[in-house]
Amino acid sequence: MTKIQLITNIEAPIEIVFNAARSIDLHMDSATHTKEKAIAGKTSGLINLYETVTWRGKHFGITLKHQSKITSLRFPTYFIDEMVRGHFKSFKHQHVFKETKNGTEMIDLLEYKTPYGFLGRFFDRLFLKDHLTQFLSTRNQFIKMKTEETT
């Protein structure tokens, strides 16, 4: 299992950051480089508990689909999205929000397993972990920019 943890400090109220992190529209705006589009389930607005979204995007030159479901949500401090269908053996993304004196600490905890045994683990070490880390970092910086400019 591969784990990625990112911490982003944002000078905006926790409620605004929490809602930005679960915004389908903001996600699509932040992922134009992979042409991410919500194509089924919740396709705009704020995703809520037990709702699903199916994403289509281009990664490594291949168009892929990934369906996830919000399996836990506690406003405004925590939510989890987990893969329902996609190209991973498992994929769980925990989003944690902590109020700070200057705004909000947003923590991403991503855990996933690749298929295809040794080949999947090799691909993960060479390319996938860095790709996902960069994808999340770009998204987090977009959330930071958008939420800080509105407060």
Protein backbone atom coordinates (compact mmCIF):
# COMPACT_ATOMS: atom_id res chain seq x y z
CA MET A 1 0.00 0.00 0.00
CA THR A 2 1.26 3.46 -0.92
CA LYS A 3 0.58 6.46 1.31
CA ILE A 4 0.74 10.14 0.46
CA GLN A 5 0.29 12.89 3.04
CA LEU A 6 0.09 16.58 2.17
CA ILE A 7 -0.50 19.53 4.48
CA THR A 8 -1.66 22.86 3.09
CA ASN A 9 -2.10 25.95 5.26
CA ILE A 10 -4.82 28.25 3.99
CA GLU A 11 -5.71 31.70 5.28
CA ALA A 12 -9.48 31.20 5.05
CA PRO A 13 -12.20 29.96 7.41
CA ILE A 14 -12.52 26.20 7.85
CA GLU A 15 -16.08 26.06 6.47
CA ILE A 16 -15.04 27.75 3.22
CA VAL A 17 -12.01 25.49 2.76
CA PHE A 18 -14.06 22.36 3.58
CA ASN A 19 -16.69 23.26 0.98
CA ALA A 20 -14.04 24.12 -1.62
CA ALA A 21 -12.45 20.69 -1.13
CA ARG A 22 -15.73 18.93 -1.90
CA SER A 23 -16.72 21.15 -4.81
CA ILE A 24 -17.06 19.22 -8.06
CA ASP A 25 -16.77 22.44 -10.09
CA LEU A 26 -13.60 23.60 -8.33
CA HIS A 27 -12.04 20.15 -8.85
CA MET A 28 -12.69 20.36 -12.59
CA ASP A 29 -11.27 23.91 -12.70
CA SER A 30 -8.13 22.78 -10.86
CA ALA A 31 -7.54 19.78 -13.14
CA THR A 32 -7.68 21.28 -16.61
CA HIS A 33 -4.23 19.81 -17.34
CA THR A 34 -5.75 16.29 -17.12
CA LYS A 35 -9.09 17.36 -18.62
CA GLU A 36 -10.94 16.02 -15.55
CA LYS A 37 -14.70 16.03 -16.02
CA ALA A 38 -17.47 14.74 -13.79
CA ILE A 39 -19.54 12.53 -16.11
CA ALA A 40 -21.93 10.64 -13.80
CA GLY A 41 -23.39 10.78 -10.32
CA LYS A 42 -22.89 14.21 -8.74
CA THR A 43 -21.57 16.34 -11.59
CA SER A 44 -21.65 19.84 -10.07
CA GLY A 45 -21.98 21.59 -6.74
CA LEU A 46 -20.90 20.16 -3.39
CA ILE A 47 -20.67 16.39 -3.03
CA ASN A 48 -22.27 15.02 0.13
CA LEU A 49 -22.31 11.87 2.23
CA TYR A 50 -23.04 8.66 0.25
CA GLU A 51 -23.02 10.47 -3.10
CA THR A 52 -20.86 9.23 -5.95
CA VAL A 53 -19.05 10.96 -8.77
CA THR A 54 -17.48 9.41 -11.85
CA TRP A 55 -14.49 11.27 -13.20
CA ARG A 56 -13.02 11.00 -16.67
CA GLY A 57 -9.53 12.40 -17.22
CA LYS A 58 -6.35 11.87 -19.15
CA HIS A 59 -3.40 10.49 -17.18
CA PHE A 60 -0.20 9.16 -18.75
CA GLY A 61 -1.73 9.78 -22.18
CA ILE A 62 -4.68 7.46 -21.47
CA THR A 63 -8.29 8.48 -20.83
CA LEU A 64 -9.36 6.86 -17.55
CA LYS A 65 -12.53 6.71 -15.46
CA HIS A 66 -12.61 6.72 -11.67
CA GLN A 67 -15.80 6.47 -9.61
CA SER A 68 -15.67 7.44 -5.96
CA LYS A 69 -18.15 7.69 -3.11
CA ILE A 70 -18.17 9.87 -0.02
CA THR A 71 -18.21 7.22 2.71
CA SER A 72 -17.80 9.51 5.73
CA LEU A 73 -18.43 13.21 6.30
CA ARG A 74 -18.33 15.39 9.42
CA PHE A 75 -18.83 19.07 8.57
CA PRO A 76 -16.45 20.98 8.58
CA THR A 77 -13.58 18.80 9.76
CA TYR A 78 -13.47 15.54 7.83
CA PHE A 79 -14.59 13.55 4.82
CA ILE A 80 -13.45 10.42 3.02
CA ASP A 81 -13.83 9.48 -0.62
CA GLU A 82 -13.22 5.88 -1.65
CA MET A 83 -13.00 4.30 -5.07
CA VAL A 84 -16.03 2.31 -6.17
CA ARG A 85 -14.73 1.58 -9.69
CA GLY A 86 -11.43 2.40 -11.27
CA HIS A 87 -7.91 1.24 -12.02
CA PHE A 88 -6.66 0.70 -8.47
CA LYS A 89 -7.04 -2.33 -6.22
CA SER A 90 -8.06 0.15 -3.52
CA PHE A 91 -8.09 3.94 -3.19
CA LYS A 92 -9.03 5.87 -0.04
CA HIS A 93 -8.60 9.64 0.29
CA GLN A 94 -9.10 11.18 3.73
CA HIS A 95 -9.56 14.95 3.90
CA VAL A 96 -8.95 16.47 7.35
CA PHE A 97 -9.45 20.14 8.24
CA LYS A 98 -8.16 21.83 11.38
CA GLU A 99 -8.88 25.37 12.43
CA THR A 100 -5.72 27.39 13.06
CA LYS A 101 -5.10 30.88 14.34
CA ASN A 102 -4.50 32.04 10.74
CA GLY A 103 -7.20 30.00 9.01
CA THR A 104 -7.25 26.30 8.17
CA GLU A 105 -4.82 23.42 7.96
CA MET A 106 -5.96 21.07 5.19
CA ILE A 107 -4.52 17.56 5.38
CA ASP A 108 -4.76 14.98 2.61
CA LEU A 109 -4.12 11.33 3.47
CA LEU A 110 -4.23 9.16 0.37
CA GLU A 111 -3.76 5.40 0.57
CA TYR A 112 -3.96 3.17 -2.48
CA LYS A 113 -2.93 -0.19 -3.85
CA THR A 114 -2.00 -0.81 -7.45
CA PRO A 115 -3.03 -3.91 -9.40
CA TYR A 116 -0.72 -6.14 -11.47
CA GLY A 117 1.59 -7.31 -8.68
CA PHE A 118 5.26 -6.46 -9.14
CA LEU A 119 4.62 -4.47 -12.35
CA GLY A 120 2.04 -2.30 -10.60
CA ARG A 121 4.38 -1.63 -7.66
CA PHE A 122 7.23 -0.85 -10.06
CA PHE A 123 5.06 1.62 -12.03
CA ASP A 124 3.95 3.18 -8.74
CA ARG A 125 7.53 3.74 -7.56
CA LEU A 126 8.69 5.10 -10.92
CA PHE A 127 5.75 7.30 -11.91
CA LEU A 128 2.40 6.99 -10.16
CA LYS A 129 3.17 8.22 -6.64
CA ASP A 130 4.88 11.34 -7.97
CA HIS A 131 2.04 11.93 -10.44
CA LEU A 132 -0.62 11.67 -7.74
CA THR A 133 1.38 13.84 -5.34
CA GLN A 134 1.71 16.53 -8.01
CA PHE A 135 -1.97 16.23 -8.95
CA LEU A 136 -3.04 16.73 -5.30
CA SER A 137 -0.51 19.54 -4.75
CA THR A 138 -1.81 21.41 -7.79
CA ARG A 139 -5.39 20.94 -6.60
CA ASN A 140 -4.52 22.11 -3.09
CA GLN A 141 -2.77 25.23 -4.35
CA PHE A 142 -5.84 26.00 -6.47
CA ILE A 143 -8.10 25.60 -3.41
CA LYS A 144 -5.74 27.86 -1.44
CA MET A 145 -5.77 30.52 -4.14
CA LYS A 146 -9.54 30.48 -4.61
CA THR A 147 -10.45 30.47 -0.91
CA GLU A 148 -7.91 33.10 0.10
CA GLU A 149 -9.00 35.48 -2.64
CA THR A 150 -12.64 35.31 -1.50
CA THR A 151 -11.93 36.12 2.17
